[in-house]
Amino acid sequence: MKISQKKKNKICEQILYYLFTQTPRAIYTSHIAEEIARDEEYVKKLLAELKEKKLVTEIKKNKEGIDYIRRSRWKLPNSVYLLYKKNQKQ
């Protein structure tokens, strides 16, 4: 099943809004998928696209600096967070 670009953009907006509300915490892909009620693989694909656009940052290490093998955490870069926060006040 093909999802239109308009709907895909709305899902990306949901992802960005959820990350905005959770800042400064970095959130696992599975938690984002659960929160917006979407398939985890599809959310991972969208997050990769957002990463290419520099709208999200991927964290592949845990708090001790050890690389994750199969997991990733995501958060908004500070520049995107400040821009989003500015637009929320308007």
C-alpha atoms as a PDB file:
ATOM      1  CA  MET A   1       0.000   0.000   0.000  1.00  0.00           C
ATOM      2  CA  LYS A   2       1.360   3.406  -0.994  1.00  0.00           C
ATOM      3  CA  ILE A   3       1.073   6.366   1.377  1.00  0.00           C
ATOM      4  CA  SER A   4       0.692   9.794  -0.180  1.00  0.00           C
ATOM      5  CA  GLN A   5       3.374  12.420   0.346  1.00  0.00           C
ATOM      6  CA  LYS A   6       0.873  14.571   2.240  1.00  0.00           C
ATOM      7  CA  LYS A   7       0.174  11.809   4.775  1.00  0.00           C
ATOM      8  CA  LYS A   8       3.866  10.965   5.015  1.00  0.00           C
ATOM      9  CA  ASN A   9       4.605  14.614   5.863  1.00  0.00           C
ATOM     10  CA  LYS A  10       1.922  14.563   8.573  1.00  0.00           C
ATOM     11  CA  ILE A  11       3.461  11.449  10.136  1.00  0.00           C
ATOM     12  CA  CYS A  12       6.877  13.152  10.062  1.00  0.00           C
ATOM     13  CA  GLU A  13       5.296  16.143  11.798  1.00  0.00           C
ATOM     14  CA  GLN A  14       3.951  13.819  14.497  1.00  0.00           C
ATOM     15  CA  ILE A  15       7.427  12.343  14.981  1.00  0.00           C
ATOM     16  CA  LEU A  16       9.035  15.778  15.227  1.00  0.00           C
ATOM     17  CA  TYR A  17       6.370  17.011  17.656  1.00  0.00           C
ATOM     18  CA  TYR A  18       6.824  13.964  19.885  1.00  0.00           C
ATOM     19  CA  LEU A  19      10.598  14.477  19.939  1.00  0.00           C
ATOM     20  CA  PHE A  20      10.014  18.169  20.686  1.00  0.00           C
ATOM     21  CA  THR A  21       7.878  17.313  23.712  1.00  0.00           C
ATOM     22  CA  GLN A  22      10.521  14.877  24.982  1.00  0.00           C
ATOM     23  CA  THR A  23      13.557  17.172  24.552  1.00  0.00           C
ATOM     24  CA  PRO A  24      16.305  16.892  25.869  1.00  0.00           C
ATOM     25  CA  ARG A  25      15.750  13.128  26.225  1.00  0.00           C
ATOM     26  CA  ALA A  26      16.755  10.844  23.352  1.00  0.00           C
ATOM     27  CA  ILE A  27      13.965   8.397  22.501  1.00  0.00           C
ATOM     28  CA  TYR A  28      14.238   4.855  21.122  1.00  0.00           C
ATOM     29  CA  THR A  29      12.700   4.135  17.722  1.00  0.00           C
ATOM     30  CA  SER A  30      10.290   1.615  19.256  1.00  0.00           C
ATOM     31  CA  HIS A  31       8.931   4.191  21.729  1.00  0.00           C
ATOM     32  CA  ILE A  32       8.371   6.724  18.953  1.00  0.00           C
ATOM     33  CA  ALA A  33       6.538   4.109  16.870  1.00  0.00           C
ATOM     34  CA  GLU A  34       4.389   3.146  19.849  1.00  0.00           C
ATOM     35  CA  GLU A  35       3.531   6.760  20.651  1.00  0.00           C
ATOM     36  CA  ILE A  36       2.390   7.657  17.133  1.00  0.00           C
ATOM     37  CA  ALA A  37       0.813   4.218  16.530  1.00  0.00           C
ATOM     38  CA  ARG A  38       2.881   3.289  13.472  1.00  0.00           C
ATOM     39  CA  ASP A  39       4.965   0.320  12.388  1.00  0.00           C
ATOM     40  CA  GLU A  40       8.478   0.450  13.823  1.00  0.00           C
ATOM     41  CA  GLU A  41      10.213  -0.230  10.486  1.00  0.00           C
ATOM     42  CA  TYR A  42       8.237   2.528   8.769  1.00  0.00           C
ATOM     43  CA  VAL A  43       9.083   4.979  11.555  1.00  0.00           C
ATOM     44  CA  LYS A  44      12.751   3.994  11.274  1.00  0.00           C
ATOM     45  CA  LYS A  45      12.632   4.739   7.537  1.00  0.00           C
ATOM     46  CA  LEU A  46      11.052   8.151   8.158  1.00  0.00           C
ATOM     47  CA  LEU A  47      13.593   8.948  10.880  1.00  0.00           C
ATOM     48  CA  ALA A  48      16.409   8.139   8.444  1.00  0.00           C
ATOM     49  CA  GLU A  49      14.877  10.592   5.948  1.00  0.00           C
ATOM     50  CA  LEU A  50      14.574  13.246   8.649  1.00  0.00           C
ATOM     51  CA  LYS A  51      18.208  12.602   9.596  1.00  0.00           C
ATOM     52  CA  GLU A  52      19.276  13.274   5.992  1.00  0.00           C
ATOM     53  CA  LYS A  53      17.436  16.603   6.188  1.00  0.00           C
ATOM     54  CA  LYS A  54      19.256  17.287   9.504  1.00  0.00           C
ATOM     55  CA  LEU A  55      15.970  17.534  11.423  1.00  0.00           C
ATOM     56  CA  VAL A  56      16.839  14.757  13.889  1.00  0.00           C
ATOM     57  CA  THR A  57      20.023  13.371  15.402  1.00  0.00           C
ATOM     58  CA  GLU A  58      20.664   9.640  15.751  1.00  0.00           C
ATOM     59  CA  ILE A  59      22.429   8.418  18.872  1.00  0.00           C
ATOM     60  CA  LYS A  60      24.002   4.995  18.505  1.00  0.00           C
ATOM     61  CA  LYS A  61      25.803   4.796  21.878  1.00  0.00           C
ATOM     62  CA  ASN A  62      24.532   4.236  25.395  1.00  0.00           C
ATOM     63  CA  LYS A  63      25.339   6.451  28.373  1.00  0.00           C
ATOM     64  CA  GLU A  64      28.609   4.585  28.977  1.00  0.00           C
ATOM     65  CA  GLY A  65      29.748   5.197  25.378  1.00  0.00           C
ATOM     66  CA  ILE A  66      29.235   1.622  24.200  1.00  0.00           C
ATOM     67  CA  ASP A  67      27.798   1.238  20.687  1.00  0.00           C
ATOM     68  CA  TYR A  68      24.303  -0.185  20.329  1.00  0.00           C
ATOM     69  CA  ILE A  69      24.208  -3.200  18.042  1.00  0.00           C
ATOM     70  CA  ARG A  70      20.579  -3.011  16.924  1.00  0.00           C
ATOM     71  CA  ARG A  71      19.106   0.069  18.579  1.00  0.00           C
ATOM     72  CA  SER A  72      19.060   3.787  17.981  1.00  0.00           C
ATOM     73  CA  ARG A  73      17.862   6.727  19.972  1.00  0.00           C
ATOM     74  CA  TRP A  74      16.690   9.962  18.385  1.00  0.00           C
ATOM     75  CA  LYS A  75      16.462  13.580  19.434  1.00  0.00           C
ATOM     76  CA  LEU A  76      16.105  17.028  17.943  1.00  0.00           C
ATOM     77  CA  PRO A  77      19.270  19.041  17.367  1.00  0.00           C
ATOM     78  CA  ASN A  78      19.334  22.264  19.413  1.00  0.00           C
ATOM     79  CA  SER A  79      18.899  24.440  16.317  1.00  0.00           C
ATOM     80  CA  VAL A  80      15.741  22.569  15.281  1.00  0.00           C
ATOM     81  CA  TYR A  81      14.415  22.594  18.859  1.00  0.00           C
ATOM     82  CA  LEU A  82      14.832  26.373  19.137  1.00  0.00           C
ATOM     83  CA  LEU A  83      13.167  26.930  15.768  1.00  0.00           C
ATOM     84  CA  TYR A  84      10.267  24.643  16.718  1.00  0.00           C
ATOM     85  CA  LYS A  85       9.905  26.347  20.113  1.00  0.00           C
ATOM     86  CA  LYS A  86       9.831  29.788  18.458  1.00  0.00           C
ATOM     87  CA  ASN A  87       7.080  28.657  16.068  1.00  0.00           C
ATOM     88  CA  GLN A  88       5.027  27.124  18.909  1.00  0.00           C
ATOM     89  CA  LYS A  89       4.709  30.537  20.586  1.00  0.00           C
ATOM     90  CA  GLN A  90       3.193  32.163  17.492  1.00  0.00           C
END
